[in-house]
Amino acid sequence: MATRLPSAPPILPGLAYIRPLGSGGFADVFLYEQDMPRRDVAVKVLPSDVRDPDLRRMFNAEADVLAHLSAHPSIVTVYQAGISADGRPYIVMEYCPGSLSQRYRIERIPVEEVLTIGVKMASALQSAHRAGLVHRDVKPSNILVTTFGAPVLADFGISSSLARETADEVLAMSIPWSAPEVIAEETAGTVASEVWSLGATVYSLLAGHSPFERRERGQNTKEQLRRRIARASYTDIPRADVPASLQVVLARAMSRDPRQRYASAREFAEALRAVQSELGISPTQLEIATEAWSPASASVDFSDSALRGPARSRIERDEQRKTRPGTGVAQLARDEDTDFSAPDRPRRPMPRVAVVVGGAVVVVGGILAALLMTGTL
């Protein structure tokens, strides 16, 4: 839940604001309509005060990580990023009208659908891990649903490199879905902890609540959840339609000992696919990049806190077209959508010409000089 008021939506080139979509701990998300090509897009924006280098670093990392991974069919697509006229970094992403944020709490999601979601998310994580990246915040609310009904993994705001481990990163977590070693602040995120979080997410979608959450009010403080995750063992999901084989798969994925879990997200996906086969369900296709695949751009720099991207030098006018007085005919207004913060072009001076009038030399300029030079007069 947001602990601050959402910021005002920025004025962005080629985008028309529609309504807010949500507000998080360090960014706001708004719905805009893109002018060309015409489509709805989600725009994630930092609040007005972006002097905190850690916020800028996390924002830059999310944009770069999505640029590496968003071609994956189960990862949200990023279209562009930049800096608004009032100096706020923003990311333009695919608009997903649904999410699993609350659905699992109010609806009994079919086992078949949950297995499909699990395989797709495992495929997305495997591709991220192969690129040397960890998501670090896998949970139901970060699984969005596209306009075609497909689940996609989103919110890479606290993602990191598998090769990078710093003390300040271990505090970034969503406790109900964080592995015991992350809760204990022993690691910022590994392949094993990602497997645990995905297992906890699949568990939540089936059980209707996070794995160590209790129904009694006042029994789910952060500290209480920390203690249960640190010491608790797997508890079977109380649903008759959840097969025993799936309970075994989830128990292994959520083992307290990282060495006892599946060695990779792909192994977890294969185990879920085996359950699908057992139930007579066609196994969900694995969407994993080949060994030859590698990101086309340079590796993500998780220490970069600079303001990057094109920054517009002024805010566009409210009106996009003007009408000629008395004609009712629309006239294009000055296009400020392409007016970025680049040096102004030097204005060429109007020509000046000396002419003889009645025996005196007179210097003329402007349009009259231009006409004399071209021989029109």
Protein backbone atom coordinates (compact mmCIF):
# COMPACT_ATOMS: atom_id res chain seq x y z
CA MET A 1 0.00 0.00 0.00
CA ALA A 2 1.29 3.44 -0.91
CA THR A 3 2.53 5.61 1.98
CA ARG A 4 2.38 8.87 0.01
CA LEU A 5 -0.02 10.73 -2.21
CA PRO A 6 0.34 9.99 -5.93
CA SER A 7 2.07 12.61 -8.02
CA ALA A 8 0.44 14.57 -10.82
CA PRO A 9 0.57 12.91 -14.27
CA PRO A 10 3.27 14.49 -16.42
CA ILE A 11 2.72 16.00 -19.86
CA LEU A 12 4.44 13.65 -22.31
CA PRO A 13 5.06 13.95 -26.05
CA GLY A 14 2.64 11.95 -28.16
CA LEU A 15 0.69 10.69 -25.12
CA ALA A 16 -2.68 11.81 -23.74
CA TYR A 17 -3.36 11.20 -20.04
CA ILE A 18 -6.46 9.14 -19.20
CA ARG A 19 -6.44 8.09 -15.53
CA PRO A 20 -4.25 6.74 -12.70
CA LEU A 21 -3.59 3.00 -12.50
CA GLY A 22 -1.77 2.69 -9.21
CA SER A 23 0.82 4.06 -6.83
CA GLY A 24 3.68 2.17 -5.24
CA GLY A 25 6.47 2.84 -2.80
CA PHE A 26 8.62 4.82 -5.20
CA ALA A 27 6.68 5.32 -8.45
CA ASP A 28 3.24 6.01 -9.87
CA VAL A 29 1.60 4.33 -12.86
CA PHE A 30 -0.84 6.13 -15.17
CA LEU A 31 -2.89 5.12 -18.18
CA TYR A 32 -2.19 7.15 -21.32
CA GLU A 33 -3.30 6.89 -24.93
CA GLN A 34 -0.46 6.88 -27.41
CA ASP A 35 -1.16 8.96 -30.50
CA MET A 36 0.95 7.03 -33.02
CA PRO A 37 0.46 4.13 -33.19
CA ARG A 38 -2.90 4.50 -31.45
CA ARG A 39 -3.01 2.32 -28.32
CA ASP A 40 -3.35 2.45 -24.54
CA VAL A 41 -0.08 2.32 -22.62
CA ALA A 42 0.94 2.21 -18.97
CA VAL A 43 3.42 4.90 -17.94
CA LYS A 44 5.50 4.44 -14.81
CA VAL A 45 6.79 7.74 -13.43
CA LEU A 46 9.03 8.72 -10.56
CA PRO A 47 7.52 11.32 -8.22
CA SER A 48 8.51 14.96 -8.54
CA ASP A 49 11.42 14.71 -6.12
CA VAL A 50 13.99 12.50 -7.85
CA ARG A 51 17.08 13.73 -6.05
CA ASP A 52 17.49 10.34 -4.36
CA PRO A 53 20.18 8.53 -6.40
CA ASP A 54 18.92 5.12 -5.23
CA LEU A 55 15.49 5.79 -6.74
CA ARG A 56 17.06 6.84 -10.03
CA ARG A 57 19.34 3.81 -9.98
CA MET A 58 16.41 1.43 -9.47
CA PHE A 59 14.38 3.18 -12.15
CA ASN A 60 17.21 3.06 -14.70
CA ALA A 61 17.81 -0.60 -13.91
CA GLU A 62 14.15 -1.49 -14.46
CA ALA A 63 14.11 0.23 -17.86
CA ASP A 64 17.32 -1.50 -18.93
CA VAL A 65 16.28 -4.93 -17.62
CA LEU A 66 12.96 -4.71 -19.46
CA ALA A 67 14.80 -3.68 -22.61
CA HIS A 68 16.81 -6.93 -22.30
CA LEU A 69 13.87 -9.19 -21.51
CA SER A 70 10.59 -7.70 -22.75
CA ALA A 71 10.69 -9.63 -26.03
CA HIS A 72 9.85 -12.68 -23.91
CA PRO A 73 6.14 -13.53 -24.33
CA SER A 74 5.65 -13.80 -20.56
CA ILE A 75 7.40 -10.56 -19.56
CA VAL A 76 5.70 -7.17 -19.87
CA THR A 77 6.83 -5.21 -22.94
CA VAL A 78 8.58 -1.83 -22.67
CA TYR A 79 8.15 0.65 -25.53
CA GLN A 80 10.25 3.66 -24.59
CA ALA A 81 11.65 5.70 -21.71
CA GLY A 82 12.68 9.29 -21.20
CA ILE A 83 12.43 12.37 -19.01
CA SER A 84 9.29 14.49 -18.81
CA ALA A 85 9.24 18.27 -19.21
CA ASP A 86 9.26 18.67 -15.42
CA GLY A 87 12.34 16.46 -15.08
CA ARG A 88 10.76 13.14 -14.05
CA PRO A 89 12.02 9.84 -15.52
CA TYR A 90 9.28 7.68 -17.04
CA ILE A 91 8.89 4.28 -18.71
CA VAL A 92 6.19 3.58 -21.30
CA MET A 93 5.04 -0.05 -21.13
CA GLU A 94 2.41 -2.41 -22.42
CA TYR A 95 -0.95 -1.78 -20.74
CA CYS A 96 -2.23 -4.88 -18.97
CA PRO A 97 -5.84 -4.43 -17.79
CA GLY A 98 -5.72 -7.25 -15.22
CA SER A 99 -3.51 -8.72 -12.53
CA LEU A 100 -3.51 -11.52 -9.98
CA SER A 101 -3.13 -9.04 -7.12
CA GLN A 102 -6.51 -9.79 -5.50
CA ARG A 103 -8.10 -12.35 -7.77
CA TYR A 104 -6.71 -15.35 -5.86
CA ARG A 105 -8.21 -14.02 -2.62
CA ILE A 106 -11.75 -13.73 -3.94
CA GLU A 107 -11.87 -16.49 -6.56
CA ARG A 108 -11.03 -20.18 -6.58
CA ILE A 109 -8.64 -20.29 -9.53
CA PRO A 110 -8.72 -23.64 -11.37
CA VAL A 111 -5.70 -25.91 -10.89
CA GLU A 112 -5.23 -26.14 -14.67
CA GLU A 113 -4.93 -22.35 -14.99
CA VAL A 114 -2.54 -22.08 -12.05
CA LEU A 115 -0.26 -24.72 -13.56
CA THR A 116 -0.17 -22.80 -16.83
CA ILE A 117 0.71 -19.58 -15.01
CA GLY A 118 3.43 -21.38 -13.05
CA VAL A 119 5.10 -22.79 -16.16
CA LYS A 120 4.98 -19.43 -17.97
CA MET A 121 6.45 -17.56 -14.99
CA ALA A 122 9.16 -20.18 -14.56
CA SER A 123 10.02 -19.78 -18.25
CA ALA A 124 10.27 -15.99 -17.80
CA LEU A 125 12.51 -16.36 -14.75
CA GLN A 126 14.72 -18.92 -16.48
CA SER A 127 15.29 -16.47 -19.35
CA ALA A 128 16.11 -13.69 -16.87
CA HIS A 129 18.54 -15.94 -14.99
CA ARG A 130 20.20 -16.94 -18.24
CA ALA A 131 20.77 -13.25 -18.90
CA GLY A 132 22.38 -12.96 -15.46
CA LEU A 133 19.42 -11.17 -13.85
CA VAL A 134 17.18 -11.88 -10.86
CA HIS A 135 13.72 -10.36 -10.38
CA ARG A 136 13.77 -10.40 -6.55
CA ASP A 137 10.06 -9.62 -6.12
CA VAL A 138 8.05 -12.54 -7.54
CA LYS A 139 4.51 -12.45 -6.11
CA PRO A 140 0.90 -12.51 -7.35
CA SER A 141 0.56 -8.73 -7.70
CA ASN A 142 3.53 -8.65 -10.07
CA ILE A 143 1.84 -11.04 -12.48
CA LEU A 144 -0.26 -8.96 -14.84
CA VAL A 145 -2.79 -10.13 -17.43
CA THR A 146 -2.63 -8.76 -20.97
CA THR A 147 -5.60 -7.81 -23.15
CA PHE A 148 -5.34 -11.31 -24.64
CA GLY A 149 -5.62 -12.95 -21.22
CA ALA A 150 -1.97 -14.02 -21.03
CA PRO A 151 -0.02 -13.71 -17.75
CA VAL A 152 3.17 -11.64 -17.84
CA LEU A 153 5.79 -10.92 -15.21
CA ALA A 154 6.16 -7.23 -14.36
CA ASP A 155 7.79 -4.79 -11.93
CA PHE A 156 11.53 -5.30 -12.21
CA GLY A 157 12.10 -2.25 -10.00
CA ILE A 158 14.28 -4.07 -7.46
CA SER A 159 15.85 -6.53 -9.88
CA SER A 160 19.57 -7.13 -9.70
CA SER A 161 22.47 -9.04 -11.19
CA LEU A 162 23.26 -12.60 -10.17
CA ALA A 163 26.89 -11.49 -9.97
CA ARG A 164 26.16 -8.48 -7.79
CA GLU A 165 25.62 -8.68 -4.04
CA THR A 166 25.64 -5.62 -1.80
CA ALA A 167 24.48 -5.12 1.75
CA ASP A 168 21.87 -2.50 0.88
CA GLU A 169 19.96 -4.86 -1.41
CA VAL A 170 18.93 -7.50 1.09
CA LEU A 171 16.26 -5.22 2.60
CA ALA A 172 14.25 -5.03 -0.63
CA MET A 173 11.67 -7.79 -0.26
CA SER A 174 7.99 -8.69 -0.13
CA ILE A 175 7.98 -10.76 3.04
CA PRO A 176 5.10 -13.23 2.44
CA TRP A 177 6.77 -14.51 -0.74
CA SER A 178 10.45 -14.14 0.24
CA ALA A 179 12.66 -17.16 0.85
CA PRO A 180 13.98 -17.89 4.39
CA GLU A 181 17.53 -16.89 3.44
CA VAL A 182 16.28 -13.55 2.11
CA ILE A 183 14.23 -12.99 5.26
CA ALA A 184 17.38 -13.71 7.29
CA GLU A 185 19.24 -11.14 5.13
CA GLU A 186 21.78 -13.72 4.06
CA THR A 187 21.34 -12.92 0.37
CA ALA A 188 19.78 -10.29 -1.87
CA GLY A 189 18.49 -12.87 -4.31
CA THR A 190 19.59 -16.04 -6.07
CA VAL A 191 18.16 -18.60 -8.45
CA ALA A 192 17.20 -20.71 -5.43
CA SER A 193 15.36 -17.84 -3.74
CA GLU A 194 13.52 -17.11 -6.99
CA VAL A 195 12.37 -20.75 -7.14
CA TRP A 196 11.08 -20.43 -3.56
CA SER A 197 9.19 -17.20 -4.37
CA LEU A 198 7.58 -18.72 -7.45
CA GLY A 199 6.61 -21.79 -5.44
CA ALA A 200 5.06 -19.52 -2.78
CA THR A 201 3.23 -17.62 -5.52
CA VAL A 202 1.77 -20.80 -7.05
CA TYR A 203 0.79 -21.90 -3.55
CA SER A 204 -1.00 -18.57 -2.96
CA LEU A 205 -2.95 -18.82 -6.21
CA LEU A 206 -4.25 -22.23 -5.16
CA ALA A 207 -4.76 -21.62 -1.44
CA GLY A 208 -6.24 -18.11 -1.62
CA HIS A 209 -3.62 -16.69 0.74
CA SER A 210 0.15 -16.55 1.10
CA PRO A 211 1.79 -19.74 2.46
CA PHE A 212 2.34 -18.64 6.07
CA GLU A 213 -0.56 -16.27 6.43
CA ARG A 214 -3.21 -16.97 9.06
CA ARG A 215 -6.89 -16.16 8.81
CA GLU A 216 -7.08 -14.60 12.27
CA ARG A 217 -6.95 -10.81 12.33
CA GLY A 218 -3.79 -9.37 13.84
CA GLN A 219 -1.78 -12.56 13.29
CA ASN A 220 0.08 -11.49 10.15
CA THR A 221 2.46 -8.72 11.11
CA LYS A 222 5.76 -8.57 9.28
CA GLU A 223 7.64 -9.93 12.27
CA GLN A 224 5.20 -12.82 12.74
CA LEU A 225 5.50 -13.76 9.07
CA ARG A 226 9.29 -13.58 9.27
CA ARG A 227 9.36 -16.05 12.17
CA ARG A 228 6.97 -18.49 10.49
CA ILE A 229 8.87 -18.47 7.22
CA ALA A 230 12.17 -19.00 9.04
CA ARG A 231 11.00 -22.09 10.92
CA ALA A 232 7.86 -23.49 9.30
CA SER A 233 7.63 -26.53 7.08
CA TYR A 234 5.33 -26.97 4.10
CA THR A 235 1.61 -27.28 4.87
CA ASP A 236 -0.60 -28.98 2.30
CA ILE A 237 -3.10 -26.82 0.43
CA PRO A 238 -6.60 -27.73 1.70
CA ARG A 239 -8.14 -28.32 -1.72
CA ALA A 240 -9.39 -31.71 -2.84
CA ASP A 241 -8.66 -30.91 -6.51
CA VAL A 242 -4.96 -30.24 -5.85
CA PRO A 243 -3.22 -33.57 -6.57
CA ALA A 244 -0.68 -35.01 -4.16
CA SER A 245 2.00 -34.79 -6.86
CA LEU A 246 1.57 -31.01 -7.02
CA GLN A 247 1.84 -30.76 -3.24
CA VAL A 248 5.16 -32.64 -3.49
CA VAL A 249 6.42 -30.28 -6.22
CA LEU A 250 5.56 -27.18 -4.20
CA ALA A 251 7.03 -28.65 -1.01
CA ARG A 252 10.35 -29.14 -2.78
CA ALA A 253 10.30 -25.69 -4.36
CA MET A 254 9.67 -24.17 -0.92
CA SER A 255 12.20 -26.21 1.03
CA ARG A 256 13.93 -24.22 3.79
CA ASP A 257 17.27 -25.54 2.55
CA PRO A 258 18.09 -23.90 -0.81
CA ARG A 259 20.09 -26.98 -1.82
CA GLN A 260 16.98 -29.15 -1.61
CA ARG A 261 14.99 -26.99 -4.06
CA TYR A 262 14.90 -27.32 -7.83
CA ALA A 263 18.26 -26.25 -9.23
CA SER A 264 16.69 -23.90 -11.74
CA ALA A 265 13.43 -22.29 -12.73
CA ARG A 266 13.41 -24.60 -15.74
CA GLU A 267 13.51 -27.71 -13.51
CA PHE A 268 10.58 -26.30 -11.56
CA ALA A 269 8.71 -25.72 -14.84
CA GLU A 270 9.38 -29.30 -15.94
CA ALA A 271 8.00 -30.60 -12.63
CA LEU A 272 4.80 -28.57 -13.12
CA ARG A 273 4.52 -29.87 -16.69
CA ALA A 274 4.76 -33.43 -15.37
CA VAL A 275 1.77 -32.73 -13.11
CA GLN A 276 -0.12 -31.41 -16.14
CA SER A 277 0.58 -34.64 -18.01
CA GLU A 278 -0.58 -36.67 -15.03
CA LEU A 279 -3.87 -34.76 -15.00
CA GLY A 280 -4.38 -35.29 -18.72
CA ILE A 281 -3.65 -31.64 -19.50
CA SER A 282 -1.54 -30.74 -22.49
CA PRO A 283 1.76 -29.46 -21.00
CA THR A 284 2.29 -25.72 -21.32
CA GLN A 285 5.04 -24.90 -23.80
CA LEU A 286 8.36 -23.79 -22.33
CA GLU A 287 9.29 -20.27 -23.45
CA ILE A 288 13.02 -20.28 -22.79
CA ALA A 289 15.71 -18.61 -24.87
CA THR A 290 18.25 -20.87 -26.53
CA GLU A 291 21.84 -21.09 -25.35
CA ALA A 292 22.93 -18.95 -28.29
CA TRP A 293 20.65 -16.13 -27.17
CA SER A 294 22.17 -13.07 -25.56
CA PRO A 295 20.92 -9.53 -25.09
CA ALA A 296 21.73 -7.30 -28.04
CA SER A 297 22.80 -4.35 -25.92
CA ALA A 298 25.43 -3.93 -23.23
CA SER A 299 24.94 -5.49 -19.81
CA VAL A 300 22.78 -3.66 -17.28
CA ASP A 301 24.67 -1.19 -15.08
CA PHE A 302 22.90 -1.42 -11.71
CA SER A 303 24.99 1.43 -10.27
CA ASP A 304 23.87 4.02 -12.83
CA SER A 305 21.85 6.77 -11.09
CA ALA A 306 22.13 9.41 -13.84
CA LEU A 307 19.08 10.99 -15.44
CA ARG A 308 19.05 9.38 -18.87
CA GLY A 309 16.92 9.74 -21.97
CA PRO A 310 15.65 12.64 -24.06
CA ALA A 311 14.45 15.56 -21.96
CA ARG A 312 11.95 17.99 -23.45
CA SER A 313 12.86 21.64 -22.91
CA ARG A 314 9.31 22.93 -22.47
CA ILE A 315 5.77 21.78 -21.86
CA GLU A 316 3.55 21.59 -24.89
CA ARG A 317 0.57 23.87 -25.33
CA ASP A 318 -2.87 22.56 -24.45
CA GLU A 319 -4.14 23.08 -27.99
CA GLN A 320 -2.64 21.01 -30.79
CA ARG A 321 -4.41 22.80 -33.64
CA LYS A 322 -5.39 26.40 -34.13
CA THR A 323 -8.19 27.78 -36.29
CA ARG A 324 -7.69 30.61 -38.72
CA PRO A 325 -9.85 33.55 -37.69
CA GLY A 326 -13.11 33.68 -39.64
CA THR A 327 -12.44 30.54 -41.66
CA GLY A 328 -13.15 27.66 -39.30
CA VAL A 329 -10.27 25.80 -41.00
CA ALA A 330 -7.89 23.96 -38.70
CA GLN A 331 -4.27 25.06 -38.90
CA LEU A 332 -1.43 22.99 -37.47
CA ALA A 333 0.07 24.53 -34.36
CA ARG A 334 3.81 24.41 -33.74
CA ASP A 335 4.91 20.84 -33.17
CA GLU A 336 6.54 20.81 -29.75
CA ASP A 337 6.49 17.04 -29.37
CA THR A 338 9.87 16.86 -31.05
CA ASP A 339 11.34 19.85 -29.21
CA PHE A 340 14.00 18.22 -27.08
CA SER A 341 16.70 19.90 -25.03
CA ALA A 342 19.17 20.47 -27.85
CA PRO A 343 21.01 23.72 -28.66
CA ASP A 344 18.84 26.18 -30.60
CA ARG A 345 19.70 26.51 -34.26
CA PRO A 346 21.26 29.92 -35.09
CA ARG A 347 18.75 32.13 -36.91
CA ARG A 348 19.95 33.32 -40.30
CA PRO A 349 19.94 37.15 -40.53
CA MET A 350 17.70 38.78 -43.11
CA PRO A 351 19.66 40.27 -46.05
CA ARG A 352 20.43 44.00 -46.22
CA VAL A 353 21.03 45.78 -49.57
CA ALA A 354 22.32 49.28 -50.41
CA VAL A 355 20.43 51.08 -53.21
CA VAL A 356 20.71 54.57 -54.73
CA VAL A 357 17.57 56.69 -54.42
CA GLY A 358 17.73 60.26 -55.84
CA GLY A 359 21.50 60.31 -55.61
CA ALA A 360 21.58 59.10 -51.99
CA VAL A 361 22.63 55.67 -50.80
CA VAL A 362 19.90 53.96 -48.77
CA VAL A 363 20.27 50.63 -46.94
CA VAL A 364 17.16 48.47 -47.00
CA GLY A 365 16.49 45.10 -45.35
CA GLY A 366 13.85 42.43 -44.74
CA ILE A 367 11.41 41.47 -47.48
CA LEU A 368 12.27 44.48 -49.73
CA ALA A 369 15.94 43.49 -49.75
CA ALA A 370 15.03 39.88 -50.57
CA LEU A 371 12.91 41.00 -53.51
CA LEU A 372 15.70 43.24 -54.84
CA MET A 373 18.22 40.40 -54.56
CA THR A 374 16.04 37.94 -56.47
CA GLY A 375 15.26 40.44 -59.21
CA THR A 376 11.56 40.48 -58.42
CA LEU A 377 11.65 44.30 -58.22
